[in-house]
Amino acid sequence: MMKRATLAALIAAASVCTGMAPAQAQSRNDQGQVRKEMKAGNVQPLREIEGRVMPRMRGMQYLGPEYDAAAMAYRLKFIRDGRVVFVDVDARSGQIIGRSY
């Protein structure tokens, strides 16, 4: 019984570790891409976008951003009362393009 539990834990850990590697690589690529786009003047700096969005999210805790290079959009993540809220923002214009709960 103990061997099964240990084996199951090892399999679960291995699947999590292998699943994270592509996501981490994608995140690094997106970060590099957003830097290039900012230097070229194609997207607005994250701090400017946060400065516009955060006042609209009163009472929520800000958890952080993500950047999607393919969509050229930031996704800002907030939480309140255990409910996560994503705010998608066009990185070029700074306009909110979506909100999901």
Protein backbone atom coordinates (compact mmCIF):
# COMPACT_ATOMS: atom_id res chain seq x y z
CA MET A 1 0.00 0.00 0.00
CA MET A 2 2.78 2.43 0.92
CA LYS A 3 4.60 1.67 -2.35
CA ARG A 4 1.47 2.54 -4.36
CA ALA A 5 1.07 5.86 -2.58
CA THR A 6 4.73 6.69 -3.12
CA LEU A 7 4.54 5.69 -6.78
CA ALA A 8 1.39 7.77 -7.29
CA ALA A 9 3.06 10.78 -5.66
CA LEU A 10 6.13 10.41 -7.88
CA ILE A 11 4.01 10.14 -11.03
CA ALA A 12 2.01 13.22 -10.05
CA ALA A 13 5.18 15.18 -9.30
CA ALA A 14 6.75 14.15 -12.61
CA SER A 15 3.69 15.17 -14.60
CA VAL A 16 3.59 18.56 -12.90
CA CYS A 17 7.29 19.17 -13.50
CA THR A 18 7.17 18.20 -17.15
CA GLY A 19 4.02 20.24 -17.69
CA MET A 20 5.60 23.38 -16.27
CA ALA A 21 8.71 23.48 -18.45
CA PRO A 22 6.97 24.59 -21.68
CA ALA A 23 4.89 27.15 -19.78
CA GLN A 24 7.99 28.62 -18.16
CA ALA A 25 9.77 28.77 -21.52
CA GLN A 26 6.73 30.45 -23.07
CA SER A 27 6.66 32.99 -20.23
CA ARG A 28 10.33 33.88 -20.79
CA ASN A 29 9.74 34.25 -24.53
CA ASP A 30 6.72 36.50 -23.91
CA GLN A 31 8.72 38.65 -21.48
CA GLY A 32 11.47 39.10 -24.03
CA GLN A 33 8.92 39.89 -26.70
CA VAL A 34 7.18 42.55 -24.61
CA ARG A 35 10.52 44.24 -23.92
CA LYS A 36 11.24 44.37 -27.66
CA GLU A 37 7.77 45.70 -28.40
CA MET A 38 8.09 48.40 -25.70
CA LYS A 39 11.48 49.54 -27.02
CA ALA A 40 9.98 49.74 -30.51
CA GLY A 41 7.08 51.81 -29.15
CA ASN A 42 4.48 49.22 -30.15
CA VAL A 43 3.10 48.51 -26.66
CA GLN A 44 2.57 50.55 -23.55
CA PRO A 45 4.60 49.87 -20.41
CA LEU A 46 2.94 47.59 -17.90
CA ARG A 47 3.15 50.23 -15.15
CA GLU A 48 1.04 52.64 -17.22
CA ILE A 49 -1.58 49.98 -17.86
CA GLU A 50 -1.63 48.96 -14.19
CA GLY A 51 -2.03 52.63 -13.28
CA ARG A 52 -5.21 52.82 -15.38
CA VAL A 53 -6.76 49.48 -14.43
CA MET A 54 -6.01 49.17 -10.71
CA PRO A 55 -8.13 52.16 -9.60
CA ARG A 56 -11.13 50.46 -11.26
CA MET A 57 -10.58 47.30 -9.21
CA ARG A 58 -11.11 48.79 -5.75
CA GLY A 59 -11.39 46.29 -2.95
CA MET A 60 -9.51 43.64 -4.90
CA GLN A 61 -6.02 42.36 -4.25
CA TYR A 62 -3.72 42.54 -7.28
CA LEU A 63 -1.97 39.22 -7.90
CA GLY A 64 0.11 40.19 -10.92
CA PRO A 65 0.34 40.37 -14.70
CA GLU A 66 0.96 38.05 -17.63
CA TYR A 67 1.75 39.04 -21.21
CA ASP A 68 0.51 37.21 -24.29
CA ALA A 69 2.84 38.06 -27.17
CA ALA A 70 0.57 36.51 -29.81
CA ALA A 71 -2.41 38.62 -28.75
CA MET A 72 -0.27 41.62 -27.72
CA ALA A 73 -2.31 41.78 -24.53
CA TYR A 74 -1.71 41.93 -20.81
CA ARG A 75 -3.80 39.84 -18.43
CA LEU A 76 -4.00 41.33 -14.95
CA LYS A 77 -5.10 38.99 -12.18
CA PHE A 78 -7.09 40.11 -9.13
CA ILE A 79 -8.83 38.34 -6.24
CA ARG A 80 -11.61 39.30 -3.83
CA ASP A 81 -13.49 37.04 -1.43
CA GLY A 82 -11.87 33.96 -2.96
CA ARG A 83 -13.01 34.87 -6.47
CA VAL A 84 -10.34 35.42 -9.13
CA VAL A 85 -10.93 38.10 -11.76
CA PHE A 86 -8.88 38.44 -14.95
CA VAL A 87 -8.76 41.75 -16.78
CA ASP A 88 -7.43 41.58 -20.35
CA VAL A 89 -5.91 44.77 -21.72
CA ASP A 90 -4.76 45.56 -25.26
CA ALA A 91 -1.04 46.32 -24.84
CA ARG A 92 -1.03 48.72 -27.79
CA SER A 93 -3.94 50.95 -26.80
CA GLY A 94 -4.22 50.28 -23.07
CA GLN A 95 -7.95 49.61 -23.46
CA ILE A 96 -9.67 46.89 -21.45
CA ILE A 97 -10.76 44.23 -23.94
CA GLY A 98 -12.24 41.68 -21.57
CA ARG A 99 -12.97 40.67 -18.02
CA SER A 100 -13.57 37.14 -16.80
CA TYR A 101 -14.47 35.67 -13.44
